[in-house]
């Protein structure tokens, strides 16, 4: 009986370690709570001088498949306004009927290609059941065909409101071998989906490096696209 008890305890210890490691992998690095915990200076607004009310001063073009715009009714571009708080400092809450199969996405388009080196995701001010539980960060060079850079499928990794969490290449997702001009965040599910106001995000910050090994075909296609658009 003693041998069985020891073995059972050993199995429980291994299971605990596996579960703990898995949770840590999903938790990433918590930077703190509130606007002051944001890193700032991300690709969308390196100088931190964007004016969300006018959608001016940003180094990116924003788009979304639901509630595009700043301010208003807690619109999607609020995730790039460099502020954490209620109402117009977050994106909330989704149309009736639940999240569509394509997900709810918000996207930033840049003139140059960047390899995503790290990014932050922040919870909103209330209702934890609205936190994304199944979501991805994706990259593209034409705004149509996207590759998954990071994917999360599980419980919300936030344990506080207005909490800023950091994700880093090489630790939390693969180091990028190619650069992208488009980065988007897509939410596929939340705990409260599809009931009521079922979704919200506080802030997203994308950081990238333009010195990376680029696929020559990708670079050529991007360059040709710019030449055509300039004509």
Protein backbone atom coordinates (compact mmCIF):
# COMPACT_ATOMS: atom_id res chain seq x y z
CA UNK A 1 0.00 0.00 0.00
CA UNK A 2 2.87 2.38 0.79
CA UNK A 3 4.36 1.83 -2.67
CA UNK A 4 0.98 2.54 -4.28
CA UNK A 5 0.59 5.73 -2.24
CA UNK A 6 4.06 6.92 -3.19
CA UNK A 7 3.41 6.21 -6.86
CA UNK A 8 0.05 8.00 -6.70
CA UNK A 9 1.71 11.00 -5.10
CA UNK A 10 4.42 11.00 -7.77
CA UNK A 11 1.80 10.91 -10.54
CA UNK A 12 -0.10 13.80 -8.91
CA UNK A 13 3.12 15.80 -8.64
CA UNK A 14 3.88 15.28 -12.34
CA UNK A 15 0.31 16.25 -13.28
CA UNK A 16 0.57 19.39 -11.15
CA UNK A 17 3.84 20.37 -12.81
CA UNK A 18 2.40 19.81 -16.30
CA UNK A 19 -0.71 21.87 -15.50
CA UNK A 20 1.32 24.63 -13.88
CA UNK A 21 3.72 24.79 -16.82
CA UNK A 22 0.80 24.96 -19.24
CA UNK A 23 -0.82 27.81 -17.29
CA UNK A 24 2.47 29.70 -17.16
CA UNK A 25 2.83 29.33 -20.92
CA UNK A 26 -0.57 30.93 -21.36
CA UNK A 27 0.00 33.65 -18.74
CA UNK A 28 3.13 35.08 -20.42
CA UNK A 29 4.55 38.15 -18.62
CA UNK A 30 2.28 40.52 -16.72
CA UNK A 31 3.51 44.12 -16.93
CA UNK A 32 0.95 45.64 -14.56
CA UNK A 33 -2.41 47.35 -14.79
CA UNK A 34 -3.56 50.64 -16.26
CA UNK A 35 -2.26 52.97 -18.96
CA UNK A 36 1.10 53.44 -17.25
CA UNK A 37 1.84 49.72 -17.72
CA UNK A 38 1.64 49.96 -21.52
CA UNK A 39 5.05 49.86 -23.21
CA UNK A 40 4.27 52.70 -25.61
CA UNK A 41 6.11 53.55 -28.82
CA UNK A 42 4.71 50.61 -30.75
CA UNK A 43 4.59 50.36 -34.55
CA UNK A 44 1.20 52.04 -34.83
CA UNK A 45 2.36 55.16 -32.96
CA UNK A 46 6.14 55.24 -32.35
CA UNK A 47 6.04 58.83 -31.08
CA UNK A 48 2.97 58.28 -28.87
CA UNK A 49 1.39 61.37 -30.38
CA UNK A 50 -1.66 59.87 -32.06
CA UNK A 51 -4.94 61.73 -31.73
CA UNK A 52 -7.69 59.10 -31.63
CA UNK A 53 -10.56 61.56 -31.86
CA UNK A 54 -9.27 62.70 -35.28
CA UNK A 55 -7.54 59.42 -36.26
CA UNK A 56 -4.38 61.43 -36.91
CA UNK A 57 -0.70 61.04 -36.01
CA UNK A 58 -0.60 57.26 -36.40
CA UNK A 59 1.93 55.32 -38.51
CA UNK A 60 -0.67 52.74 -39.56
CA UNK A 61 -3.98 52.49 -41.37
CA UNK A 62 -6.61 50.73 -39.27
CA UNK A 63 -9.52 48.57 -40.35
CA UNK A 64 -11.97 46.15 -38.76
CA UNK A 65 -14.87 43.89 -39.71
CA UNK A 66 -17.01 45.32 -36.92
CA UNK A 67 -17.35 48.79 -35.37
CA UNK A 68 -14.43 50.45 -37.21
CA UNK A 69 -13.38 53.82 -35.85
CA UNK A 70 -12.22 55.52 -32.66
CA UNK A 71 -14.46 56.67 -29.82
CA UNK A 72 -18.12 56.37 -30.66
CA UNK A 73 -19.79 53.29 -29.23
CA UNK A 74 -16.63 51.66 -27.88
CA UNK A 75 -15.30 51.16 -31.41
CA UNK A 76 -12.58 48.77 -32.53
CA UNK A 77 -9.75 51.26 -33.19
CA UNK A 78 -9.79 52.14 -29.48
CA UNK A 79 -7.40 49.21 -28.98
CA UNK A 80 -4.72 51.45 -30.56
CA UNK A 81 -5.45 54.68 -28.63
CA UNK A 82 -2.64 54.22 -26.04
CA UNK A 83 -5.18 54.37 -23.21
CA UNK A 84 -6.74 51.86 -20.84
CA UNK A 85 -10.09 52.62 -19.29
CA UNK A 86 -13.85 52.39 -19.76
CA UNK A 87 -16.19 53.37 -22.58
CA UNK A 88 -14.20 54.94 -25.46
CA UNK A 89 -10.88 53.52 -24.24
CA UNK A 90 -11.86 49.95 -25.20
CA UNK A 91 -13.48 47.89 -27.94
CA UNK A 92 -16.80 46.36 -26.94
CA UNK A 93 -19.14 44.49 -27.48
CA UNK A 94 -20.24 42.70 -30.68
CA UNK A 95 -23.48 42.45 -32.64
CA UNK A 96 -26.37 40.23 -31.66
CA UNK A 97 -26.14 36.58 -32.61
CA UNK A 98 -22.60 35.98 -31.45
CA UNK A 99 -19.13 36.00 -32.97
CA UNK A 100 -19.13 35.08 -36.69
CA UNK A 101 -17.07 32.16 -38.00
CA UNK A 102 -14.43 34.54 -39.37
CA UNK A 103 -14.04 36.05 -35.90
CA UNK A 104 -14.02 39.68 -34.85
CA UNK A 105 -10.86 41.29 -36.18
CA UNK A 106 -9.05 44.60 -36.02
CA UNK A 107 -6.02 45.27 -38.23
CA UNK A 108 -3.10 47.65 -38.62
CA UNK A 109 -1.50 48.19 -42.05
CA UNK A 110 2.05 49.55 -42.43
CA UNK A 111 4.14 50.84 -45.34
CA UNK A 112 7.09 48.60 -44.43
CA UNK A 113 7.38 44.93 -43.57
CA UNK A 114 8.13 43.98 -39.97
CA UNK A 115 8.83 40.75 -38.15
CA UNK A 116 6.68 40.78 -35.01
CA UNK A 117 9.17 40.77 -32.13
CA UNK A 118 6.66 41.20 -29.29
CA UNK A 119 3.18 42.47 -28.58
CA UNK A 120 0.96 43.31 -25.62
CA UNK A 121 -2.69 42.53 -24.98
CA UNK A 122 -4.70 44.28 -22.26
CA UNK A 123 -7.97 43.41 -20.61
CA UNK A 124 -10.81 45.91 -20.50
CA UNK A 125 -12.31 47.51 -17.40
CA UNK A 126 -15.14 45.12 -16.52
CA UNK A 127 -16.92 41.76 -17.11
CA UNK A 128 -14.18 39.08 -17.33
CA UNK A 129 -16.56 36.79 -19.26
CA UNK A 130 -16.10 39.10 -22.27
CA UNK A 131 -12.34 38.41 -22.44
CA UNK A 132 -11.15 36.60 -25.60
CA UNK A 133 -10.58 32.90 -24.93
CA UNK A 134 -9.88 31.73 -28.49
CA UNK A 135 -7.90 34.24 -30.51
CA UNK A 136 -4.97 34.74 -32.89
CA UNK A 137 -2.47 37.34 -34.01
CA UNK A 138 -1.97 37.04 -37.76
CA UNK A 139 0.33 38.55 -40.38
CA UNK A 140 -0.11 39.26 -44.10
CA UNK A 141 1.50 41.14 -46.97
CA UNK A 142 -1.60 41.64 -49.11
CA UNK A 143 -4.34 42.03 -46.49
CA UNK A 144 -6.13 38.93 -47.78
CA UNK A 145 -4.01 35.84 -47.09
CA UNK A 146 -2.98 35.61 -43.44
CA UNK A 147 -0.58 33.42 -41.52
CA UNK A 148 -1.02 32.68 -37.83
CA UNK A 149 1.79 34.10 -35.71
CA UNK A 150 0.34 33.39 -32.26
CA UNK A 151 -2.75 31.41 -31.21
CA UNK A 152 -4.47 31.02 -27.84
CA UNK A 153 -7.24 28.50 -27.12
CA UNK A 154 -8.22 28.25 -23.48
CA UNK A 155 -9.29 30.35 -20.52
CA UNK A 156 -8.65 34.06 -20.37
CA UNK A 157 -5.04 34.64 -19.26
CA UNK A 158 -5.91 37.90 -17.43
CA UNK A 159 -6.65 37.81 -13.70
CA UNK A 160 -7.24 41.55 -13.30
CA UNK A 161 -9.01 44.32 -15.13
CA UNK A 162 -6.94 46.71 -17.29
CA UNK A 163 -4.05 44.23 -17.06
CA UNK A 164 -1.24 44.44 -19.63
CA UNK A 165 0.36 41.13 -20.72
CA UNK A 166 3.50 40.83 -22.86
CA UNK A 167 4.13 38.12 -25.49
CA UNK A 168 7.63 37.73 -26.96
CA UNK A 169 9.00 35.99 -30.04
CA UNK A 170 11.32 33.13 -29.17
CA UNK A 171 9.56 32.56 -25.85
CA UNK A 172 5.82 32.65 -26.45
CA UNK A 173 5.74 32.11 -30.22
CA UNK A 174 8.21 31.33 -33.00
CA UNK A 175 10.74 33.93 -34.07
CA UNK A 176 9.47 35.36 -37.34
CA UNK A 177 11.43 34.47 -40.48
CA UNK A 178 9.44 36.81 -42.72
CA UNK A 179 8.11 40.31 -42.35
CA UNK A 180 4.52 41.46 -42.75
CA UNK A 181 2.80 44.72 -43.64
CA UNK A 182 -0.50 43.77 -42.01
CA UNK A 183 -1.00 42.60 -38.44
CA UNK A 184 -4.42 41.75 -37.10
CA UNK A 185 -5.96 40.40 -33.94
CA UNK A 186 -8.88 37.99 -34.38
CA UNK A 187 -11.19 36.82 -31.56
CA UNK A 188 -13.13 33.62 -32.21
CA UNK A 189 -14.74 33.00 -28.81
CA UNK A 190 -15.32 34.32 -25.29
CA UNK A 191 -16.91 32.82 -22.18
CA UNK A 192 -20.11 34.83 -22.66
CA UNK A 193 -20.42 34.39 -26.45
CA UNK A 194 -23.12 34.69 -27.82
CA UNK A 195 -25.13 36.06 -24.90
CA UNK A 196 -25.50 39.82 -24.56
CA UNK A 197 -22.46 42.07 -24.79
CA UNK A 198 -20.06 39.18 -25.19
CA UNK A 199 -16.66 40.61 -26.17
CA UNK A 200 -14.12 43.31 -25.29
CA UNK A 201 -10.40 44.21 -25.44
CA UNK A 202 -8.63 47.11 -23.77
CA UNK A 203 -5.46 47.65 -25.84
CA UNK A 204 -3.10 46.01 -28.34
CA UNK A 205 0.51 47.04 -29.02
CA UNK A 206 2.52 45.58 -31.92
CA UNK A 207 6.33 45.82 -32.00
CA UNK A 208 8.50 44.76 -34.92
CA UNK A 209 11.91 44.71 -36.58
CA UNK A 210 12.52 45.43 -40.25
CA UNK A 211 15.94 43.71 -40.26
CA UNK A 212 15.11 40.04 -40.75
CA UNK A 213 15.63 37.28 -43.35
CA UNK A 214 13.00 38.05 -46.01
CA UNK A 215 11.69 35.57 -48.54
CA UNK A 216 12.81 37.12 -51.89
CA UNK A 217 9.48 36.20 -53.52
CA UNK A 218 7.57 37.97 -50.76
CA UNK A 219 9.76 41.06 -51.03
CA UNK A 220 9.42 41.13 -54.81
CA UNK A 221 5.64 40.80 -54.66
CA UNK A 222 5.37 43.59 -52.12
CA UNK A 223 7.65 45.89 -54.11
CA UNK A 224 5.69 45.25 -57.32
CA UNK A 225 2.43 45.96 -55.48
CA UNK A 226 3.72 49.35 -54.39
CA UNK A 227 4.87 50.19 -57.95
CA UNK A 228 1.41 49.35 -59.32
CA UNK A 229 -0.37 51.38 -56.63
CA UNK A 230 1.87 54.36 -57.32
CA UNK A 231 0.92 54.48 -61.01
